[in-house]
Amino acid sequence: MQTIYADYSISMSEFKKNPAQVLKTAGEKPVAVLNHNRPAFYMITPKLFEALVEELADRDLIELTRQRLLKKDTAIEVDIDHI
């Protein structure tokens, strides 16, 4: 069995009837659109998509920070007030 990462799910045929209503009913929650009882895709609002993109960008920055902290012994100190 495949995990569904959404509070709401709907069949592809029901989704095709009125996609806008599905989004309206779900509010800010993701919707799994199923094809033969398996997720074909997830529908999310632009607001949720933006939040996901920001979270991924933050994770990339955290990883970059961790990598740089491991190299801090080789860092050169700079006074940014006297450049």
N, C-alpha and C. Protein backbone atom coordinates (compact mmCIF):
# COMPACT_ATOMS: atom_id res chain seq x y z
N MET A 1 0.84 -1.18 0.00
CA MET A 1 0.00 0.00 0.00
C MET A 1 0.88 1.24 0.00
N GLN A 2 0.47 2.25 -0.75
CA GLN A 2 1.22 3.49 -0.87
C GLN A 2 0.69 4.53 0.11
N THR A 3 1.59 5.27 0.74
CA THR A 3 1.20 6.31 1.68
C THR A 3 0.64 7.51 0.92
N ILE A 4 -0.40 8.09 1.46
CA ILE A 4 -0.99 9.31 0.89
C ILE A 4 -0.69 10.45 1.84
N TYR A 5 0.00 11.47 1.34
CA TYR A 5 0.42 12.60 2.16
C TYR A 5 -0.57 13.76 2.05
N ALA A 6 -1.82 13.50 2.37
CA ALA A 6 -2.84 14.55 2.31
C ALA A 6 -4.00 14.16 3.21
N ASP A 7 -4.67 15.18 3.72
CA ASP A 7 -5.87 14.94 4.53
C ASP A 7 -7.08 14.62 3.65
N TYR A 8 -7.04 15.10 2.41
CA TYR A 8 -8.14 14.90 1.49
C TYR A 8 -7.66 14.12 0.28
N SER A 9 -8.55 13.29 -0.26
CA SER A 9 -8.26 12.60 -1.51
C SER A 9 -9.53 12.54 -2.34
N ILE A 10 -9.33 12.43 -3.65
CA ILE A 10 -10.46 12.40 -4.58
C ILE A 10 -10.03 11.60 -5.80
N SER A 11 -10.97 10.95 -6.43
CA SER A 11 -10.66 10.20 -7.65
C SER A 11 -10.41 11.17 -8.80
N MET A 12 -9.67 10.71 -9.78
CA MET A 12 -9.38 11.52 -10.95
C MET A 12 -10.67 11.93 -11.66
N SER A 13 -11.61 11.01 -11.78
CA SER A 13 -12.85 11.33 -12.49
C SER A 13 -13.67 12.38 -11.74
N GLU A 14 -13.71 12.31 -10.41
CA GLU A 14 -14.42 13.32 -9.62
C GLU A 14 -13.69 14.66 -9.69
N PHE A 15 -12.38 14.62 -9.67
CA PHE A 15 -11.57 15.84 -9.75
C PHE A 15 -11.84 16.58 -11.06
N LYS A 16 -11.91 15.83 -12.17
CA LYS A 16 -12.11 16.43 -13.49
C LYS A 16 -13.44 17.18 -13.59
N LYS A 17 -14.41 16.77 -12.82
CA LYS A 17 -15.73 17.40 -12.89
C LYS A 17 -15.70 18.86 -12.44
N ASN A 18 -14.92 19.16 -11.39
CA ASN A 18 -14.89 20.54 -10.89
C ASN A 18 -13.63 20.77 -10.04
N PRO A 19 -12.48 20.93 -10.67
CA PRO A 19 -11.23 21.11 -9.92
C PRO A 19 -11.25 22.32 -8.98
N ALA A 20 -11.87 23.41 -9.41
CA ALA A 20 -11.91 24.61 -8.57
C ALA A 20 -12.68 24.35 -7.28
N GLN A 21 -13.74 23.58 -7.35
CA GLN A 21 -14.52 23.27 -6.16
C GLN A 21 -13.72 22.38 -5.21
N VAL A 22 -12.93 21.47 -5.76
CA VAL A 22 -12.10 20.60 -4.92
C VAL A 22 -11.13 21.45 -4.11
N LEU A 23 -10.47 22.38 -4.77
CA LEU A 23 -9.52 23.27 -4.10
C LEU A 23 -10.21 24.12 -3.05
N LYS A 24 -11.38 24.63 -3.39
CA LYS A 24 -12.14 25.47 -2.45
C LYS A 24 -12.54 24.67 -1.21
N THR A 25 -12.99 23.45 -1.41
CA THR A 25 -13.42 22.59 -0.30
C THR A 25 -12.25 22.24 0.61
N ALA A 26 -11.08 22.00 0.03
CA ALA A 26 -9.90 21.61 0.81
C ALA A 26 -9.29 22.77 1.58
N GLY A 27 -9.58 23.99 1.15
CA GLY A 27 -8.98 25.16 1.82
C GLY A 27 -7.49 25.18 1.58
N GLU A 28 -6.72 25.28 2.64
CA GLU A 28 -5.25 25.32 2.53
C GLU A 28 -4.63 23.94 2.66
N LYS A 29 -5.42 22.90 2.67
CA LYS A 29 -4.91 21.53 2.82
C LYS A 29 -4.59 20.93 1.45
N PRO A 30 -3.55 20.10 1.36
CA PRO A 30 -3.27 19.43 0.09
C PRO A 30 -4.32 18.36 -0.21
N VAL A 31 -4.50 18.10 -1.50
CA VAL A 31 -5.46 17.10 -1.95
C VAL A 31 -4.71 16.08 -2.81
N ALA A 32 -4.87 14.81 -2.49
CA ALA A 32 -4.30 13.75 -3.31
C ALA A 32 -5.34 13.38 -4.37
N VAL A 33 -4.95 13.48 -5.63
CA VAL A 33 -5.84 13.08 -6.72
C VAL A 33 -5.42 11.66 -7.11
N LEU A 34 -6.36 10.75 -6.99
CA LEU A 34 -6.06 9.33 -7.15
C LEU A 34 -6.44 8.81 -8.52
N ASN A 35 -5.59 7.95 -9.04
CA ASN A 35 -5.86 7.23 -10.27
C ASN A 35 -5.72 5.75 -9.94
N HIS A 36 -6.80 5.01 -10.01
CA HIS A 36 -6.83 3.59 -9.61
C HIS A 36 -6.38 3.44 -8.16
N ASN A 37 -6.87 4.31 -7.30
CA ASN A 37 -6.60 4.31 -5.86
C ASN A 37 -5.14 4.53 -5.49
N ARG A 38 -4.38 5.13 -6.38
CA ARG A 38 -2.99 5.50 -6.09
C ARG A 38 -2.83 6.99 -6.40
N PRO A 39 -2.03 7.70 -5.61
CA PRO A 39 -1.85 9.13 -5.88
C PRO A 39 -1.25 9.36 -7.27
N ALA A 40 -1.95 10.13 -8.09
CA ALA A 40 -1.43 10.53 -9.40
C ALA A 40 -0.69 11.85 -9.27
N PHE A 41 -1.24 12.74 -8.43
CA PHE A 41 -0.58 14.00 -8.12
C PHE A 41 -1.25 14.62 -6.91
N TYR A 42 -0.59 15.65 -6.38
CA TYR A 42 -1.14 16.40 -5.25
C TYR A 42 -1.47 17.80 -5.73
N MET A 43 -2.60 18.30 -5.30
CA MET A 43 -3.00 19.66 -5.62
C MET A 43 -2.85 20.49 -4.34
N ILE A 44 -2.12 21.61 -4.47
CA ILE A 44 -1.94 22.50 -3.33
C ILE A 44 -2.15 23.94 -3.79
N THR A 45 -2.44 24.80 -2.85
CA THR A 45 -2.63 26.21 -3.16
C THR A 45 -1.28 26.88 -3.40
N PRO A 46 -1.27 28.02 -4.09
CA PRO A 46 -0.02 28.75 -4.28
C PRO A 46 0.64 29.11 -2.94
N LYS A 47 -0.16 29.44 -1.94
CA LYS A 47 0.38 29.80 -0.63
C LYS A 47 1.15 28.63 -0.02
N LEU A 48 0.59 27.44 -0.09
CA LEU A 48 1.27 26.26 0.44
C LEU A 48 2.50 25.92 -0.38
N PHE A 49 2.41 26.05 -1.69
CA PHE A 49 3.56 25.79 -2.55
C PHE A 49 4.72 26.72 -2.21
N GLU A 50 4.42 28.01 -2.03
CA GLU A 50 5.45 28.98 -1.66
C GLU A 50 6.10 28.62 -0.33
N ALA A 51 5.29 28.18 0.63
CA ALA A 51 5.83 27.78 1.93
C ALA A 51 6.76 26.57 1.79
N LEU A 52 6.40 25.63 0.94
CA LEU A 52 7.25 24.46 0.71
C LEU A 52 8.57 24.85 0.07
N VAL A 53 8.51 25.74 -0.92
CA VAL A 53 9.72 26.20 -1.60
C VAL A 53 10.63 26.93 -0.62
N GLU A 54 10.05 27.77 0.23
CA GLU A 54 10.85 28.49 1.23
C GLU A 54 11.50 27.52 2.22
N GLU A 55 10.76 26.51 2.63
CA GLU A 55 11.30 25.51 3.56
C GLU A 55 12.48 24.78 2.92
N LEU A 56 12.36 24.41 1.67
CA LEU A 56 13.46 23.73 0.98
C LEU A 56 14.67 24.65 0.86
N ALA A 57 14.46 25.92 0.56
CA ALA A 57 15.56 26.87 0.47
C ALA A 57 16.24 27.03 1.82
N ASP A 58 15.45 27.09 2.89
CA ASP A 58 16.01 27.20 4.23
C ASP A 58 16.87 25.98 4.57
N ARG A 59 16.40 24.80 4.18
CA ARG A 59 17.17 23.58 4.45
C ARG A 59 18.50 23.60 3.71
N ASP A 60 18.49 24.12 2.47
CA ASP A 60 19.74 24.24 1.72
C ASP A 60 20.70 25.18 2.43
N LEU A 61 20.18 26.30 2.95
CA LEU A 61 21.03 27.26 3.66
C LEU A 61 21.58 26.67 4.95
N ILE A 62 20.77 25.89 5.64
CA ILE A 62 21.23 25.25 6.87
C ILE A 62 22.39 24.30 6.57
N GLU A 63 22.24 23.52 5.51
CA GLU A 63 23.31 22.59 5.14
C GLU A 63 24.58 23.34 4.75
N LEU A 64 24.45 24.42 4.00
CA LEU A 64 25.60 25.23 3.62
C LEU A 64 26.28 25.81 4.86
N THR A 65 25.49 26.28 5.80
CA THR A 65 26.04 26.81 7.05
C THR A 65 26.80 25.74 7.82
N ARG A 66 26.24 24.56 7.91
CA ARG A 66 26.92 23.45 8.61
C ARG A 66 28.26 23.13 7.93
N GLN A 67 28.28 23.09 6.62
CA GLN A 67 29.52 22.80 5.90
C GLN A 67 30.57 23.88 6.16
N ARG A 68 30.12 25.12 6.16
CA ARG A 68 31.07 26.22 6.38
C ARG A 68 31.57 26.25 7.82
N LEU A 69 30.72 25.89 8.77
CA LEU A 69 31.16 25.86 10.16
C LEU A 69 32.24 24.80 10.37
N LEU A 70 32.18 23.72 9.61
CA LEU A 70 33.22 22.69 9.71
C LEU A 70 34.57 23.20 9.22
N LYS A 71 34.56 24.25 8.40
CA LYS A 71 35.79 24.81 7.83
C LYS A 71 36.20 26.12 8.51
N LYS A 72 35.59 26.45 9.64
CA LYS A 72 35.84 27.76 10.24
C LYS A 72 37.28 27.93 10.72
N ASP A 73 38.00 26.84 10.95
CA ASP A 73 39.39 26.94 11.37
C ASP A 73 40.28 27.52 10.27
N THR A 74 39.84 27.40 9.02
CA THR A 74 40.63 27.93 7.90
C THR A 74 40.12 29.30 7.45
N ALA A 75 39.15 29.85 8.15
CA ALA A 75 38.57 31.14 7.76
C ALA A 75 39.54 32.27 8.04
N ILE A 76 39.42 33.33 7.27
CA ILE A 76 40.22 34.54 7.45
C ILE A 76 39.32 35.61 8.03
N GLU A 77 39.74 36.22 9.14
CA GLU A 77 38.94 37.25 9.77
C GLU A 77 39.01 38.53 8.97
N VAL A 78 37.85 39.16 8.78
CA VAL A 78 37.75 40.39 8.00
C VAL A 78 36.95 41.41 8.79
N ASP A 79 37.39 42.66 8.78
CA ASP A 79 36.65 43.75 9.41
C ASP A 79 35.84 44.45 8.32
N ILE A 80 34.54 44.22 8.27
CA ILE A 80 33.74 44.77 7.18
C ILE A 80 33.54 46.29 7.28
N ASP A 81 33.89 46.85 8.43
CA ASP A 81 33.77 48.31 8.59
C ASP A 81 34.94 49.05 7.93
N HIS A 82 36.01 48.37 7.59
CA HIS A 82 37.20 49.00 7.02
C HIS A 82 37.59 48.32 5.71
N ILE A 83 36.65 48.19 4.82
CA ILE A 83 36.96 47.56 3.53
C ILE A 83 37.28 48.62 2.52
